[in-house]
Amino acid sequence: MKNYMKLSALVMLMLPAFVQAQQQFSTPEQAAASFAKAVINQNEAELTEVLGDDWRQYLPDEKADPEAVARFIRDWKVSHNIEQKGDTAHLNVGQENWQLPIPMVKSDAGWHFDMQRAADEILTRTIGLNELSAIQAIHAYVDAQQDYYQLDKQYAQKFASSEGKKDGLYWPVSPGEAPSPLGPSFSPVQPGMGYHGYHFRILTSQGAAAPGGEKSYISDGKMANGFALIAWPVEYGETGITTFMVNDQGMIYQKDLGEQTAEKVQAIKQFNPDKSWQDVQQ
């Protein structure tokens, strides 16, 4: 599988004040070599010649990550090749064959980097990576609930503990103390922030479509009869598409709730994966 690094970390250089036409190349190999040279030299003028003056319309305005730049340079020196299909080509580098998300396309004038198509590819990769991260976080949540149960013979009803207590999956610890079952990422400090583009909410009951039928996980104030979780994108279509649910058996289900995902998720109070939900192949 190709290892996808963030493009923004590679090419966040200052845009020069002058305007110039984007450079055209006779072959995609020439285009790739010019891009690599600009990155290696961290030459902002050369980079703009290769990518075009409007590349900042498609990439976030951030500074370059020195480690990512160094990684690209290292991988370029290890190996690089062009993957071409018709009038479109991609640059792959390194032993893991990481593919640059900016395609090179052929026109009557020659080969050039297509930043508009790159924006679509970057968004697709971001969504894919966020969804994979959400699934990994869900697995971590299941493990954390099981660890919490071993401590208190019940499952936690919230992510972050109350101050001075251990009534949630996370609590701060002093040096030398055992860590809490879960880190603080599920409960961001600022409202509206998510974890890798996703929000998470604990569900305290399940519906008739769930294995075992309808029931509450809470009895006498303690959630000892099971647990569940729902995860949904912070911004549908931007940070993710799929909504996920999991229960105490680790069974993860997924569904595309569409543009109204945020509103629909607020109405979901139970783990109740009917036939419209698909199980996630793990």
C-alpha atoms as a PDB file:
ATOM      1  CA  MET A   1       0.000   0.000   0.000  1.00  0.00           C
ATOM      2  CA  LYS A   2       1.273   3.442  -0.812  1.00  0.00           C
ATOM      3  CA  ASN A   3       2.234   5.553   2.141  1.00  0.00           C
ATOM      4  CA  TYR A   4       0.480   8.910   1.913  1.00  0.00           C
ATOM      5  CA  MET A   5       2.272  11.848   3.546  1.00  0.00           C
ATOM      6  CA  LYS A   6       0.668  15.267   3.749  1.00  0.00           C
ATOM      7  CA  LEU A   7       1.467  17.256   0.670  1.00  0.00           C
ATOM      8  CA  SER A   8       1.153  20.522   2.540  1.00  0.00           C
ATOM      9  CA  ALA A   9       4.145  19.549   4.645  1.00  0.00           C
ATOM     10  CA  LEU A  10       6.294  19.312   1.520  1.00  0.00           C
ATOM     11  CA  VAL A  11       5.525  22.453  -0.421  1.00  0.00           C
ATOM     12  CA  MET A  12       4.527  25.142   2.055  1.00  0.00           C
ATOM     13  CA  LEU A  13       6.973  27.787   0.865  1.00  0.00           C
ATOM     14  CA  MET A  14       6.431  31.517   0.504  1.00  0.00           C
ATOM     15  CA  LEU A  15       4.768  32.568  -2.749  1.00  0.00           C
ATOM     16  CA  PRO A  16       6.898  35.097  -4.661  1.00  0.00           C
ATOM     17  CA  ALA A  17       5.432  38.475  -5.455  1.00  0.00           C
ATOM     18  CA  PHE A  18       5.822  38.258  -9.229  1.00  0.00           C
ATOM     19  CA  VAL A  19       3.479  36.357 -11.542  1.00  0.00           C
ATOM     20  CA  GLN A  20       4.679  33.914 -14.162  1.00  0.00           C
ATOM     21  CA  ALA A  21       3.350  31.170 -16.406  1.00  0.00           C
ATOM     22  CA  GLN A  22       3.455  27.591 -15.194  1.00  0.00           C
ATOM     23  CA  GLN A  23       6.306  25.607 -16.675  1.00  0.00           C
ATOM     24  CA  GLN A  24       5.588  22.892 -19.259  1.00  0.00           C
ATOM     25  CA  PHE A  25       7.785  19.817 -19.687  1.00  0.00           C
ATOM     26  CA  SER A  26       8.513  17.387 -22.503  1.00  0.00           C
ATOM     27  CA  THR A  27       8.090  14.361 -20.248  1.00  0.00           C
ATOM     28  CA  PRO A  28       6.621  13.645 -16.795  1.00  0.00           C
ATOM     29  CA  GLU A  29      10.111  12.590 -15.703  1.00  0.00           C
ATOM     30  CA  GLN A  30      11.357  16.110 -16.391  1.00  0.00           C
ATOM     31  CA  ALA A  31       8.443  17.596 -14.468  1.00  0.00           C
ATOM     32  CA  ALA A  32       9.067  15.318 -11.486  1.00  0.00           C
ATOM     33  CA  ALA A  33      12.788  16.100 -11.475  1.00  0.00           C
ATOM     34  CA  SER A  34      12.095  19.846 -11.491  1.00  0.00           C
ATOM     35  CA  PHE A  35       9.637  19.504  -8.605  1.00  0.00           C
ATOM     36  CA  ALA A  36      12.142  17.465  -6.583  1.00  0.00           C
ATOM     37  CA  LYS A  37      14.893  19.983  -7.308  1.00  0.00           C
ATOM     38  CA  ALA A  38      12.705  22.840  -6.084  1.00  0.00           C
ATOM     39  CA  VAL A  39      11.852  20.965  -2.877  1.00  0.00           C
ATOM     40  CA  ILE A  40      15.454  19.895  -2.255  1.00  0.00           C
ATOM     41  CA  ASN A  41      16.693  23.452  -2.761  1.00  0.00           C
ATOM     42  CA  GLN A  42      13.645  24.933  -0.994  1.00  0.00           C
ATOM     43  CA  ASN A  43      13.574  27.404  -3.849  1.00  0.00           C
ATOM     44  CA  GLU A  44      10.271  29.252  -3.799  1.00  0.00           C
ATOM     45  CA  ALA A  45      10.685  30.721  -7.282  1.00  0.00           C
ATOM     46  CA  GLU A  46      11.405  27.322  -8.832  1.00  0.00           C
ATOM     47  CA  LEU A  47       8.480  25.765  -6.953  1.00  0.00           C
ATOM     48  CA  THR A  48       6.083  28.371  -8.299  1.00  0.00           C
ATOM     49  CA  GLU A  49       7.400  27.851 -11.825  1.00  0.00           C
ATOM     50  CA  VAL A  50       6.683  24.127 -11.511  1.00  0.00           C
ATOM     51  CA  LEU A  51       3.308  24.244  -9.724  1.00  0.00           C
ATOM     52  CA  GLY A  52       1.953  27.542 -11.056  1.00  0.00           C
ATOM     53  CA  ASP A  53       1.086  30.816  -9.363  1.00  0.00           C
ATOM     54  CA  ASP A  54      -2.289  29.616  -8.086  1.00  0.00           C
ATOM     55  CA  TRP A  55      -1.124  26.610  -6.086  1.00  0.00           C
ATOM     56  CA  ARG A  56      -1.887  28.364  -2.786  1.00  0.00           C
ATOM     57  CA  GLN A  57      -5.574  28.339  -3.719  1.00  0.00           C
ATOM     58  CA  TYR A  58      -5.525  24.575  -3.265  1.00  0.00           C
ATOM     59  CA  LEU A  59      -3.174  24.125  -0.318  1.00  0.00           C
ATOM     60  CA  PRO A  60      -3.357  25.476   3.250  1.00  0.00           C
ATOM     61  CA  ASP A  61      -1.209  28.473   4.096  1.00  0.00           C
ATOM     62  CA  GLU A  62       1.262  26.780   6.438  1.00  0.00           C
ATOM     63  CA  LYS A  63       5.023  26.605   6.745  1.00  0.00           C
ATOM     64  CA  ALA A  64       6.926  23.590   5.552  1.00  0.00           C
ATOM     65  CA  ASP A  65       7.489  20.718   7.964  1.00  0.00           C
ATOM     66  CA  PRO A  66      11.282  20.200   7.946  1.00  0.00           C
ATOM     67  CA  GLU A  67      10.921  16.518   8.832  1.00  0.00           C
ATOM     68  CA  ALA A  68       8.499  15.884   5.973  1.00  0.00           C
ATOM     69  CA  VAL A  69      10.751  17.731   3.531  1.00  0.00           C
ATOM     70  CA  ALA A  70      13.727  15.693   4.738  1.00  0.00           C
ATOM     71  CA  ARG A  71      11.686  12.500   4.367  1.00  0.00           C
ATOM     72  CA  PHE A  72      10.747  13.346   0.782  1.00  0.00           C
ATOM     73  CA  ILE A  73      14.366  14.181  -0.100  1.00  0.00           C
ATOM     74  CA  ARG A  74      15.547  10.919   1.463  1.00  0.00           C
ATOM     75  CA  ASP A  75      12.897   8.879  -0.341  1.00  0.00           C
ATOM     76  CA  TRP A  76      13.602  10.623  -3.647  1.00  0.00           C
ATOM     77  CA  LYS A  77      17.271   9.668  -3.341  1.00  0.00           C
ATOM     78  CA  VAL A  78      16.395   6.063  -2.451  1.00  0.00           C
ATOM     79  CA  SER A  79      14.190   5.591  -5.514  1.00  0.00           C
ATOM     80  CA  HIS A  80      11.695   7.402  -7.697  1.00  0.00           C
ATOM     81  CA  ASN A  81       9.564   6.341 -10.613  1.00  0.00           C
ATOM     82  CA  ILE A  82       6.722   7.579 -12.776  1.00  0.00           C
ATOM     83  CA  GLU A  83       3.394   5.768 -12.909  1.00  0.00           C
ATOM     84  CA  GLN A  84       1.718   6.783 -16.164  1.00  0.00           C
ATOM     85  CA  LYS A  85      -1.737   5.998 -17.512  1.00  0.00           C
ATOM     86  CA  GLY A  86      -2.483   7.734 -20.780  1.00  0.00           C
ATOM     87  CA  ASP A  87      -2.156  11.486 -20.389  1.00  0.00           C
ATOM     88  CA  THR A  88      -1.865  11.346 -16.587  1.00  0.00           C
ATOM     89  CA  ALA A  89       1.214  10.464 -14.553  1.00  0.00           C
ATOM     90  CA  HIS A  90       2.162  10.349 -10.869  1.00  0.00           C
ATOM     91  CA  LEU A  91       5.473  10.497  -9.038  1.00  0.00           C
ATOM     92  CA  ASN A  92       6.236   7.660  -6.611  1.00  0.00           C
ATOM     93  CA  VAL A  93       9.199   7.806  -4.243  1.00  0.00           C
ATOM     94  CA  GLY A  94      10.960   5.665  -1.653  1.00  0.00           C
ATOM     95  CA  GLN A  95      10.871   2.006  -0.701  1.00  0.00           C
ATOM     96  CA  GLU A  96       7.214   2.310   0.299  1.00  0.00           C
ATOM     97  CA  ASN A  97       6.364   3.822  -3.081  1.00  0.00           C
ATOM     98  CA  TRP A  98       4.677   6.913  -1.658  1.00  0.00           C
ATOM     99  CA  GLN A  99       2.730   8.730  -4.372  1.00  0.00           C
ATOM    100  CA  LEU A 100       2.707  12.508  -4.657  1.00  0.00           C
ATOM    101  CA  PRO A 101      -0.954  13.587  -4.789  1.00  0.00           C
ATOM    102  CA  ILE A 102      -0.327  16.173  -7.516  1.00  0.00           C
ATOM    103  CA  PRO A 103      -0.916  14.490 -10.887  1.00  0.00           C
ATOM    104  CA  MET A 104       1.045  15.459 -13.972  1.00  0.00           C
ATOM    105  CA  VAL A 105      -1.140  15.830 -17.061  1.00  0.00           C
ATOM    106  CA  LYS A 106      -0.341  16.178 -20.734  1.00  0.00           C
ATOM    107  CA  SER A 107      -1.689  19.021 -22.859  1.00  0.00           C
ATOM    108  CA  ASP A 108      -0.788  20.385 -26.274  1.00  0.00           C
ATOM    109  CA  ALA A 109       1.905  22.507 -24.599  1.00  0.00           C
ATOM    110  CA  GLY A 110       3.461  19.586 -22.724  1.00  0.00           C
ATOM    111  CA  TRP A 111       3.340  17.988 -19.259  1.00  0.00           C
ATOM    112  CA  HIS A 112       2.463  20.064 -16.187  1.00  0.00           C
ATOM    113  CA  PHE A 113       1.281  19.602 -12.611  1.00  0.00           C
ATOM    114  CA  ASP A 114      -2.494  19.909 -12.221  1.00  0.00           C
ATOM    115  CA  MET A 115      -3.198  21.642  -8.914  1.00  0.00           C
ATOM    116  CA  GLN A 116      -6.983  21.549  -9.263  1.00  0.00           C
ATOM    117  CA  ARG A 117      -6.986  17.763  -9.554  1.00  0.00           C
ATOM    118  CA  ALA A 118      -4.486  17.644  -6.704  1.00  0.00           C
ATOM    119  CA  ALA A 119      -6.981  19.395  -4.430  1.00  0.00           C
ATOM    120  CA  ASP A 120      -9.528  16.634  -5.090  1.00  0.00           C
ATOM    121  CA  GLU A 121      -6.933  13.942  -4.418  1.00  0.00           C
ATOM    122  CA  ILE A 122      -5.744  15.593  -1.215  1.00  0.00           C
ATOM    123  CA  LEU A 123      -9.335  15.819   0.056  1.00  0.00           C
ATOM    124  CA  THR A 124      -9.963  12.171  -0.818  1.00  0.00           C
ATOM    125  CA  ARG A 125      -6.819  11.094   1.010  1.00  0.00           C
ATOM    126  CA  THR A 126      -7.610  13.273   4.024  1.00  0.00           C
ATOM    127  CA  ILE A 127     -11.067  11.731   4.334  1.00  0.00           C
ATOM    128  CA  GLY A 128      -9.682   8.228   3.931  1.00  0.00           C
ATOM    129  CA  LEU A 129      -6.990   8.760   6.552  1.00  0.00           C
ATOM    130  CA  ASN A 130      -9.472  10.336   8.968  1.00  0.00           C
ATOM    131  CA  GLU A 131     -11.863   7.421   8.603  1.00  0.00           C
ATOM    132  CA  LEU A 132      -9.083   4.918   9.223  1.00  0.00           C
ATOM    133  CA  SER A 133      -8.010   6.939  12.269  1.00  0.00           C
ATOM    134  CA  ALA A 134     -11.604   6.944  13.521  1.00  0.00           C
ATOM    135  CA  ILE A 135     -11.754   3.155  13.282  1.00  0.00           C
ATOM    136  CA  GLN A 136      -8.466   2.862  15.165  1.00  0.00           C
ATOM    137  CA  ALA A 137      -9.792   5.242  17.820  1.00  0.00           C
ATOM    138  CA  ILE A 138     -12.935   3.125  18.137  1.00  0.00           C
ATOM    139  CA  HIS A 139     -10.804   0.046  18.793  1.00  0.00           C
ATOM    140  CA  ALA A 140      -8.903   2.036  21.427  1.00  0.00           C
ATOM    141  CA  TYR A 141     -12.213   3.029  23.035  1.00  0.00           C
ATOM    142  CA  VAL A 142     -13.349  -0.602  23.255  1.00  0.00           C
ATOM    143  CA  ASP A 143     -10.057  -1.622  24.862  1.00  0.00           C
ATOM    144  CA  ALA A 144     -10.252   1.319  27.272  1.00  0.00           C
ATOM    145  CA  GLN A 145     -13.777   0.404  28.403  1.00  0.00           C
ATOM    146  CA  GLN A 146     -12.691  -3.175  29.033  1.00  0.00           C
ATOM    147  CA  ASP A 147      -9.712  -1.951  31.062  1.00  0.00           C
ATOM    148  CA  TYR A 148     -11.957   0.434  33.020  1.00  0.00           C
ATOM    149  CA  TYR A 149     -14.323  -2.428  33.848  1.00  0.00           C
ATOM    150  CA  GLN A 150     -11.450  -4.335  35.423  1.00  0.00           C
ATOM    151  CA  LEU A 151     -10.866  -1.372  37.733  1.00  0.00           C
ATOM    152  CA  ASP A 152     -14.442  -0.601  38.783  1.00  0.00           C
ATOM    153  CA  LYS A 153     -16.711  -3.460  37.587  1.00  0.00           C
ATOM    154  CA  GLN A 154     -18.638  -1.035  35.426  1.00  0.00           C
ATOM    155  CA  TYR A 155     -18.091   0.834  32.176  1.00  0.00           C
ATOM    156  CA  ALA A 156     -17.448   4.563  32.013  1.00  0.00           C
ATOM    157  CA  GLN A 157     -20.325   6.823  30.973  1.00  0.00           C
ATOM    158  CA  LYS A 158     -18.051   9.663  29.854  1.00  0.00           C
ATOM    159  CA  PHE A 159     -14.633  10.185  28.351  1.00  0.00           C
ATOM    160  CA  ALA A 160     -13.034  12.678  30.756  1.00  0.00           C
ATOM    161  CA  SER A 161     -13.275  12.214  34.517  1.00  0.00           C
ATOM    162  CA  SER A 162     -14.575  14.882  36.848  1.00  0.00           C
ATOM    163  CA  GLU A 163     -11.846  16.870  38.547  1.00  0.00           C
ATOM    164  CA  GLY A 164     -10.140  14.777  41.209  1.00  0.00           C
ATOM    165  CA  LYS A 165     -12.090  11.647  40.261  1.00  0.00           C
ATOM    166  CA  LYS A 166     -11.729   8.572  38.071  1.00  0.00           C
ATOM    167  CA  ASP A 167     -15.286   8.377  36.796  1.00  0.00           C
ATOM    168  CA  GLY A 168     -14.344   8.644  33.107  1.00  0.00           C
ATOM    169  CA  LEU A 169     -11.973   6.867  30.755  1.00  0.00           C
ATOM    170  CA  TYR A 170      -9.346   9.596  31.103  1.00  0.00           C
ATOM    171  CA  TRP A 171      -7.852  11.317  34.143  1.00  0.00           C
ATOM    172  CA  PRO A 172      -4.551  13.132  34.591  1.00  0.00           C
ATOM    173  CA  VAL A 173      -1.821  11.195  36.350  1.00  0.00           C
ATOM    174  CA  SER A 174       1.346  12.107  38.204  1.00  0.00           C
ATOM    175  CA  PRO A 175       4.777  10.754  37.264  1.00  0.00           C
ATOM    176  CA  GLY A 176       5.071   7.106  38.224  1.00  0.00           C
ATOM    177  CA  GLU A 177       1.299   6.507  38.276  1.00  0.00           C
ATOM    178  CA  ALA A 178      -0.388   4.048  35.943  1.00  0.00           C
ATOM    179  CA  PRO A 179      -1.979   5.795  32.935  1.00  0.00           C
ATOM    180  CA  SER A 180      -5.721   6.112  32.578  1.00  0.00           C
ATOM    181  CA  PRO A 181      -7.430   3.672  30.159  1.00  0.00           C
ATOM    182  CA  LEU A 182      -7.810   6.355  27.481  1.00  0.00           C
ATOM    183  CA  GLY A 183      -5.984   9.529  26.501  1.00  0.00           C
ATOM    184  CA  PRO A 184      -7.609  12.994  26.438  1.00  0.00           C
ATOM    185  CA  SER A 185      -8.091  13.203  22.658  1.00  0.00           C
ATOM    186  CA  PHE A 186     -11.756  12.130  22.647  1.00  0.00           C
ATOM    187  CA  SER A 187     -12.710  15.188  24.684  1.00  0.00           C
ATOM    188  CA  PRO A 188     -11.066  18.223  23.046  1.00  0.00           C
ATOM    189  CA  VAL A 189     -10.583  21.338  25.138  1.00  0.00           C
ATOM    190  CA  GLN A 190     -12.297  23.614  22.619  1.00  0.00           C
ATOM    191  CA  PRO A 191     -15.929  22.825  21.721  1.00  0.00           C
ATOM    192  CA  GLY A 192     -16.380  21.779  18.115  1.00  0.00           C
ATOM    193  CA  MET A 193     -12.905  20.322  17.773  1.00  0.00           C
ATOM    194  CA  GLY A 194     -12.652  16.674  16.904  1.00  0.00           C
ATOM    195  CA  TYR A 195     -10.066  13.924  16.841  1.00  0.00           C
ATOM    196  CA  HIS A 196      -8.677  13.420  13.322  1.00  0.00           C
ATOM    197  CA  GLY A 197     -11.805  15.041  11.918  1.00  0.00           C
ATOM    198  CA  TYR A 198     -14.313  13.034  13.966  1.00  0.00           C
ATOM    199  CA  HIS A 199     -16.608  13.531  16.947  1.00  0.00           C
ATOM    200  CA  PHE A 200     -17.344  10.709  19.413  1.00  0.00           C
ATOM    201  CA  ARG A 201     -20.264  10.126  21.774  1.00  0.00           C
ATOM    202  CA  ILE A 202     -20.935   7.301  24.233  1.00  0.00           C
ATOM    203  CA  LEU A 203     -24.263   5.474  23.858  1.00  0.00           C
ATOM    204  CA  THR A 204     -25.827   3.995  26.989  1.00  0.00           C
ATOM    205  CA  SER A 205     -28.390   1.654  25.455  1.00  0.00           C
ATOM    206  CA  GLN A 206     -29.121  -0.464  22.400  1.00  0.00           C
ATOM    207  CA  GLY A 207     -32.149  -1.004  20.198  1.00  0.00           C
ATOM    208  CA  ALA A 208     -34.065  -3.991  18.862  1.00  0.00           C
ATOM    209  CA  ALA A 209     -31.773  -4.368  15.822  1.00  0.00           C
ATOM    210  CA  ALA A 210     -28.679  -4.843  18.013  1.00  0.00           C
ATOM    211  CA  PRO A 211     -27.423  -8.316  18.959  1.00  0.00           C
ATOM    212  CA  GLY A 212     -29.268  -9.298  22.128  1.00  0.00           C
ATOM    213  CA  GLY A 213     -32.196  -6.968  21.480  1.00  0.00           C
ATOM    214  CA  GLU A 214     -33.263  -3.741  23.138  1.00  0.00           C
ATOM    215  CA  LYS A 215     -31.839  -2.943  26.561  1.00  0.00           C
ATOM    216  CA  SER A 216     -30.290  -0.232  28.672  1.00  0.00           C
ATOM    217  CA  TYR A 217     -26.667  -0.620  29.635  1.00  0.00           C
ATOM    218  CA  ILE A 218     -27.308   1.269  32.883  1.00  0.00           C
ATOM    219  CA  SER A 219     -28.700  -0.339  36.026  1.00  0.00           C
ATOM    220  CA  ASP A 220     -28.828   1.398  39.413  1.00  0.00           C
ATOM    221  CA  GLY A 221     -26.802   4.254  37.976  1.00  0.00           C
ATOM    222  CA  LYS A 222     -23.965   2.004  36.819  1.00  0.00           C
ATOM    223  CA  MET A 223     -23.266   1.115  33.196  1.00  0.00           C
ATOM    224  CA  ALA A 224     -22.449  -2.543  33.734  1.00  0.00           C
ATOM    225  CA  ASN A 225     -24.610  -4.181  31.055  1.00  0.00           C
ATOM    226  CA  GLY A 226     -22.524  -3.135  28.049  1.00  0.00           C
ATOM    227  CA  PHE A 227     -21.410  -0.026  26.208  1.00  0.00           C
ATOM    228  CA  ALA A 228     -21.475   1.515  22.755  1.00  0.00           C
ATOM    229  CA  LEU A 229     -20.104   4.487  20.831  1.00  0.00           C
ATOM    230  CA  ILE A 230     -20.989   6.550  17.790  1.00  0.00           C
ATOM    231  CA  ALA A 231     -18.435   8.494  15.721  1.00  0.00           C
ATOM    232  CA  TRP A 232     -19.260  10.999  12.975  1.00  0.00           C
ATOM    233  CA  PRO A 233     -17.315  13.535  10.869  1.00  0.00           C
ATOM    234  CA  VAL A 234     -16.824  17.052  12.178  1.00  0.00           C
ATOM    235  CA  GLU A 235     -17.617  18.388   8.701  1.00  0.00           C
ATOM    236  CA  TYR A 236     -19.371  16.004   6.337  1.00  0.00           C
ATOM    237  CA  GLY A 237     -17.566  15.768   3.016  1.00  0.00           C
ATOM    238  CA  GLU A 238     -14.552  17.687   4.349  1.00  0.00           C
ATOM    239  CA  THR A 239     -13.169  15.707   7.292  1.00  0.00           C
ATOM    240  CA  GLY A 240     -15.061  12.481   6.683  1.00  0.00           C
ATOM    241  CA  ILE A 241     -18.126  10.873   5.136  1.00  0.00           C
ATOM    242  CA  THR A 242     -18.905   7.705   7.052  1.00  0.00           C
ATOM    243  CA  THR A 243     -20.539   7.477  10.478  1.00  0.00           C
ATOM    244  CA  PHE A 244     -19.493   4.542  12.669  1.00  0.00           C
ATOM    245  CA  MET A 245     -20.989   2.705  15.645  1.00  0.00           C
ATOM    246  CA  VAL A 246     -19.482   0.040  17.898  1.00  0.00           C
ATOM    247  CA  ASN A 247     -20.747  -2.069  20.805  1.00  0.00           C
ATOM    248  CA  ASP A 248     -19.081  -3.873  23.707  1.00  0.00           C
ATOM    249  CA  GLN A 249     -18.415  -6.895  21.477  1.00  0.00           C
ATOM    250  CA  GLY A 250     -16.238  -4.741  19.254  1.00  0.00           C
ATOM    251  CA  MET A 251     -18.653  -4.991  16.336  1.00  0.00           C
ATOM    252  CA  ILE A 252     -18.235  -1.853  14.187  1.00  0.00           C
ATOM    253  CA  TYR A 253     -20.932  -0.738  11.756  1.00  0.00           C
ATOM    254  CA  GLN A 254     -20.832   2.064   9.194  1.00  0.00           C
ATOM    255  CA  LYS A 255     -23.289   4.208   7.279  1.00  0.00           C
ATOM    256  CA  ASP A 256     -23.266   7.317   5.103  1.00  0.00           C
ATOM    257  CA  LEU A 257     -25.871   9.592   6.697  1.00  0.00           C
ATOM    258  CA  GLY A 258     -25.469  12.236   3.998  1.00  0.00           C
ATOM    259  CA  GLU A 259     -25.341  16.011   4.171  1.00  0.00           C
ATOM    260  CA  GLN A 260     -27.547  16.064   7.276  1.00  0.00           C
ATOM    261  CA  THR A 261     -25.180  13.821   9.228  1.00  0.00           C
ATOM    262  CA  ALA A 262     -24.783  16.212  12.176  1.00  0.00           C
ATOM    263  CA  GLU A 263     -28.554  16.547  12.655  1.00  0.00           C
ATOM    264  CA  LYS A 264     -29.239  12.832  12.185  1.00  0.00           C
ATOM    265  CA  VAL A 265     -26.540  11.809  14.664  1.00  0.00           C
ATOM    266  CA  GLN A 266     -28.087  13.963  17.380  1.00  0.00           C
ATOM    267  CA  ALA A 267     -31.252  11.876  17.018  1.00  0.00           C
ATOM    268  CA  ILE A 268     -29.376   8.590  17.493  1.00  0.00           C
ATOM    269  CA  LYS A 269     -29.606   7.651  21.161  1.00  0.00           C
ATOM    270  CA  GLN A 270     -29.045   3.886  20.922  1.00  0.00           C
ATOM    271  CA  PHE A 271     -26.696   1.399  19.331  1.00  0.00           C
ATOM    272  CA  ASN A 272     -29.198   0.080  16.823  1.00  0.00           C
ATOM    273  CA  PRO A 273     -27.592  -0.989  13.541  1.00  0.00           C
ATOM    274  CA  ASP A 274     -30.512  -1.973  11.324  1.00  0.00           C
ATOM    275  CA  LYS A 275     -30.099  -3.353   7.802  1.00  0.00           C
ATOM    276  CA  SER A 276     -29.114   0.074   6.483  1.00  0.00           C
ATOM    277  CA  TRP A 277     -25.835  -0.202   8.418  1.00  0.00           C
ATOM    278  CA  GLN A 278     -22.963  -2.321   7.130  1.00  0.00           C
ATOM    279  CA  ASP A 279     -20.430  -4.104   9.286  1.00  0.00           C
ATOM    280  CA  VAL A 280     -16.859  -2.922   8.914  1.00  0.00           C
ATOM    281  CA  GLN A 281     -14.580  -5.675   7.621  1.00  0.00           C
ATOM    282  CA  GLN A 282     -11.615  -5.829  10.008  1.00  0.00           C
END
